[in-house]
Amino acid sequence: MARPEYDPWVRSILRCPVGRHELLDRTDEHGAPVLECAEDCDGPGRRRRYPWRDGIPVLLVDDAHVVTVTD
């Protein structure tokens, strides 16, 4: 699945609605593009991932998945 295209200024203003920090471009376990919190957001080592649907980032807390990260 291809990563959605967007203007750089749009990407620069996207933030996590919970922690208000930067979101990183990542892919999920199925290879679909997601936006992932750049910092821990649901406890140590846990971050929210927000999906893209029809080329639009869905920054709704209820649609996010919390994942464990090991940096």
N, C-alpha and C. Protein backbone atom coordinates (compact mmCIF):
# COMPACT_ATOMS: atom_id res chain seq x y z
N MET A 1 0.85 -1.18 0.00
CA MET A 1 0.00 0.00 0.00
C MET A 1 0.89 1.23 0.00
N ALA A 2 0.62 2.17 -0.87
CA ALA A 2 1.44 3.37 -1.00
C ALA A 2 1.11 4.39 0.09
N ARG A 3 2.13 5.08 0.53
CA ARG A 3 1.94 6.14 1.52
C ARG A 3 1.22 7.30 0.87
N PRO A 4 0.22 7.85 1.53
CA PRO A 4 -0.51 8.98 0.97
C PRO A 4 0.39 10.19 0.74
N GLU A 5 0.10 10.94 -0.28
CA GLU A 5 0.85 12.16 -0.58
C GLU A 5 0.14 13.35 0.05
N TYR A 6 0.90 14.29 0.54
CA TYR A 6 0.34 15.49 1.13
C TYR A 6 1.39 16.59 1.08
N ASP A 7 0.95 17.84 1.13
CA ASP A 7 1.87 18.96 1.13
C ASP A 7 2.70 18.96 2.41
N PRO A 8 3.97 19.34 2.31
CA PRO A 8 4.83 19.35 3.51
C PRO A 8 4.28 20.20 4.65
N TRP A 9 3.62 21.30 4.34
CA TRP A 9 3.09 22.15 5.41
C TRP A 9 1.98 21.43 6.18
N VAL A 10 1.21 20.58 5.49
CA VAL A 10 0.16 19.82 6.16
C VAL A 10 0.80 18.82 7.13
N ARG A 11 1.80 18.13 6.65
CA ARG A 11 2.49 17.13 7.48
C ARG A 11 3.11 17.78 8.71
N SER A 12 3.63 18.99 8.56
CA SER A 12 4.32 19.66 9.67
C SER A 12 3.39 20.05 10.81
N ILE A 13 2.09 20.15 10.56
CA ILE A 13 1.17 20.56 11.63
C ILE A 13 0.44 19.40 12.28
N LEU A 14 0.58 18.19 11.75
CA LEU A 14 -0.09 17.04 12.34
C LEU A 14 0.56 16.69 13.68
N ARG A 15 -0.25 16.56 14.72
CA ARG A 15 0.22 16.23 16.06
C ARG A 15 -0.72 15.22 16.71
N CYS A 16 -0.21 14.48 17.66
CA CYS A 16 -1.02 13.54 18.41
C CYS A 16 -2.07 14.33 19.20
N PRO A 17 -3.33 13.96 19.10
CA PRO A 17 -4.36 14.69 19.84
C PRO A 17 -4.29 14.47 21.35
N VAL A 18 -3.55 13.47 21.80
CA VAL A 18 -3.43 13.19 23.23
C VAL A 18 -2.21 13.89 23.82
N GLY A 19 -1.03 13.56 23.30
CA GLY A 19 0.22 14.10 23.85
C GLY A 19 0.69 15.38 23.19
N ARG A 20 0.08 15.74 22.08
CA ARG A 20 0.42 16.96 21.32
C ARG A 20 1.86 16.95 20.79
N HIS A 21 2.43 15.76 20.63
CA HIS A 21 3.78 15.70 20.10
C HIS A 21 3.78 15.26 18.63
N GLU A 22 4.94 15.27 18.04
CA GLU A 22 5.11 14.95 16.63
C GLU A 22 4.67 13.52 16.32
N LEU A 23 4.22 13.33 15.08
CA LEU A 23 3.85 12.00 14.59
C LEU A 23 4.83 11.59 13.50
N LEU A 24 5.24 10.34 13.53
CA LEU A 24 6.20 9.81 12.56
C LEU A 24 5.50 8.92 11.54
N ASP A 25 5.98 8.94 10.32
CA ASP A 25 5.46 8.05 9.28
C ASP A 25 6.00 6.64 9.53
N ARG A 26 5.11 5.70 9.67
CA ARG A 26 5.47 4.29 9.90
C ARG A 26 4.53 3.41 9.07
N THR A 27 4.76 2.11 9.15
CA THR A 27 3.84 1.14 8.56
C THR A 27 3.45 0.15 9.65
N ASP A 28 2.23 -0.36 9.55
CA ASP A 28 1.77 -1.33 10.54
C ASP A 28 2.21 -2.73 10.14
N GLU A 29 1.78 -3.72 10.90
CA GLU A 29 2.19 -5.11 10.65
C GLU A 29 1.68 -5.66 9.32
N HIS A 30 0.72 -4.96 8.69
CA HIS A 30 0.19 -5.37 7.39
C HIS A 30 0.79 -4.56 6.25
N GLY A 31 1.70 -3.64 6.57
CA GLY A 31 2.34 -2.81 5.56
C GLY A 31 1.55 -1.56 5.22
N ALA A 32 0.47 -1.30 5.94
CA ALA A 32 -0.33 -0.10 5.69
C ALA A 32 0.30 1.10 6.38
N PRO A 33 0.24 2.28 5.75
CA PRO A 33 0.83 3.47 6.38
C PRO A 33 0.05 3.89 7.63
N VAL A 34 0.79 4.31 8.65
CA VAL A 34 0.20 4.83 9.89
C VAL A 34 1.06 6.01 10.35
N LEU A 35 0.50 6.80 11.24
CA LEU A 35 1.26 7.84 11.92
C LEU A 35 1.43 7.38 13.36
N GLU A 36 2.68 7.37 13.83
CA GLU A 36 2.97 6.89 15.18
C GLU A 36 3.54 8.01 16.03
N CYS A 37 3.14 8.05 17.29
CA CYS A 37 3.65 9.05 18.22
C CYS A 37 5.18 8.95 18.28
N ALA A 38 5.84 10.10 18.28
CA ALA A 38 7.29 10.15 18.35
C ALA A 38 7.79 9.94 19.77
N GLU A 39 6.89 10.09 20.75
CA GLU A 39 7.23 9.93 22.15
C GLU A 39 6.23 8.98 22.81
N ASP A 40 6.61 8.43 23.93
CA ASP A 40 5.69 7.57 24.67
C ASP A 40 4.42 8.34 24.97
N CYS A 41 3.29 7.66 24.81
CA CYS A 41 2.02 8.37 24.89
C CYS A 41 0.98 7.64 25.73
N ASP A 42 1.24 6.41 26.09
CA ASP A 42 0.27 5.65 26.89
C ASP A 42 1.03 4.84 27.93
N GLY A 43 2.06 5.45 28.47
CA GLY A 43 2.92 4.77 29.43
C GLY A 43 4.28 4.50 28.82
N PRO A 44 5.26 4.15 29.63
CA PRO A 44 6.62 3.90 29.14
C PRO A 44 6.65 2.81 28.06
N GLY A 45 7.27 3.14 26.92
CA GLY A 45 7.42 2.18 25.83
C GLY A 45 6.16 1.94 25.03
N ARG A 46 5.13 2.74 25.24
CA ARG A 46 3.87 2.54 24.52
C ARG A 46 3.53 3.82 23.73
N ARG A 47 3.13 3.63 22.50
CA ARG A 47 2.81 4.76 21.62
C ARG A 47 1.54 4.48 20.84
N ARG A 48 0.87 5.54 20.48
CA ARG A 48 -0.35 5.41 19.69
C ARG A 48 0.00 5.44 18.20
N ARG A 49 -0.75 4.64 17.44
CA ARG A 49 -0.65 4.64 15.97
C ARG A 49 -2.01 5.02 15.41
N TYR A 50 -1.98 5.97 14.50
CA TYR A 50 -3.20 6.46 13.88
C TYR A 50 -3.23 6.00 12.42
N PRO A 51 -4.36 5.47 11.96
CA PRO A 51 -4.45 4.94 10.59
C PRO A 51 -4.68 6.03 9.55
N TRP A 52 -4.42 5.68 8.31
CA TRP A 52 -4.81 6.49 7.15
C TRP A 52 -6.01 5.78 6.54
N ARG A 53 -7.02 6.52 6.17
CA ARG A 53 -8.17 5.94 5.47
C ARG A 53 -8.48 6.81 4.26
N ASP A 54 -8.46 6.19 3.10
CA ASP A 54 -8.72 6.89 1.84
C ASP A 54 -7.82 8.11 1.69
N GLY A 55 -6.55 7.97 2.10
CA GLY A 55 -5.58 9.05 1.95
C GLY A 55 -5.68 10.15 2.99
N ILE A 56 -6.47 9.93 4.04
CA ILE A 56 -6.67 10.94 5.08
C ILE A 56 -6.24 10.36 6.43
N PRO A 57 -5.39 11.09 7.18
CA PRO A 57 -5.01 10.59 8.50
C PRO A 57 -6.19 10.71 9.47
N VAL A 58 -6.45 9.63 10.19
CA VAL A 58 -7.57 9.60 11.14
C VAL A 58 -6.97 9.78 12.54
N LEU A 59 -7.00 11.01 13.03
CA LEU A 59 -6.40 11.33 14.32
C LEU A 59 -7.44 11.34 15.43
N LEU A 60 -8.19 10.27 15.50
CA LEU A 60 -9.19 10.10 16.55
C LEU A 60 -8.66 9.07 17.55
N VAL A 61 -8.70 9.43 18.82
CA VAL A 61 -8.17 8.55 19.86
C VAL A 61 -8.83 7.18 19.83
N ASP A 62 -10.13 7.14 19.57
CA ASP A 62 -10.84 5.86 19.54
C ASP A 62 -10.41 4.96 18.38
N ASP A 63 -9.82 5.52 17.33
CA ASP A 63 -9.36 4.73 16.19
C ASP A 63 -7.88 4.39 16.27
N ALA A 64 -7.17 4.91 17.27
CA ALA A 64 -5.75 4.65 17.42
C ALA A 64 -5.53 3.28 18.03
N HIS A 65 -4.37 2.71 17.75
CA HIS A 65 -3.92 1.46 18.36
C HIS A 65 -2.70 1.78 19.19
N VAL A 66 -2.65 1.27 20.40
CA VAL A 66 -1.48 1.46 21.24
C VAL A 66 -0.54 0.29 21.00
N VAL A 67 0.72 0.60 20.72
CA VAL A 67 1.72 -0.43 20.45
C VAL A 67 2.88 -0.27 21.41
N THR A 68 3.57 -1.37 21.66
CA THR A 68 4.77 -1.34 22.48
C THR A 68 5.96 -1.18 21.55
N VAL A 69 6.85 -0.24 21.89
CA VAL A 69 8.02 0.00 21.07
C VAL A 69 9.28 -0.27 21.89
N THR A 70 10.30 -0.69 21.18
CA THR A 70 11.61 -0.90 21.78
C THR A 70 12.62 -0.19 20.91
N ASP A 71 12.94 1.04 21.27
CA ASP A 71 13.90 1.84 20.50
C ASP A 71 15.31 1.52 20.87
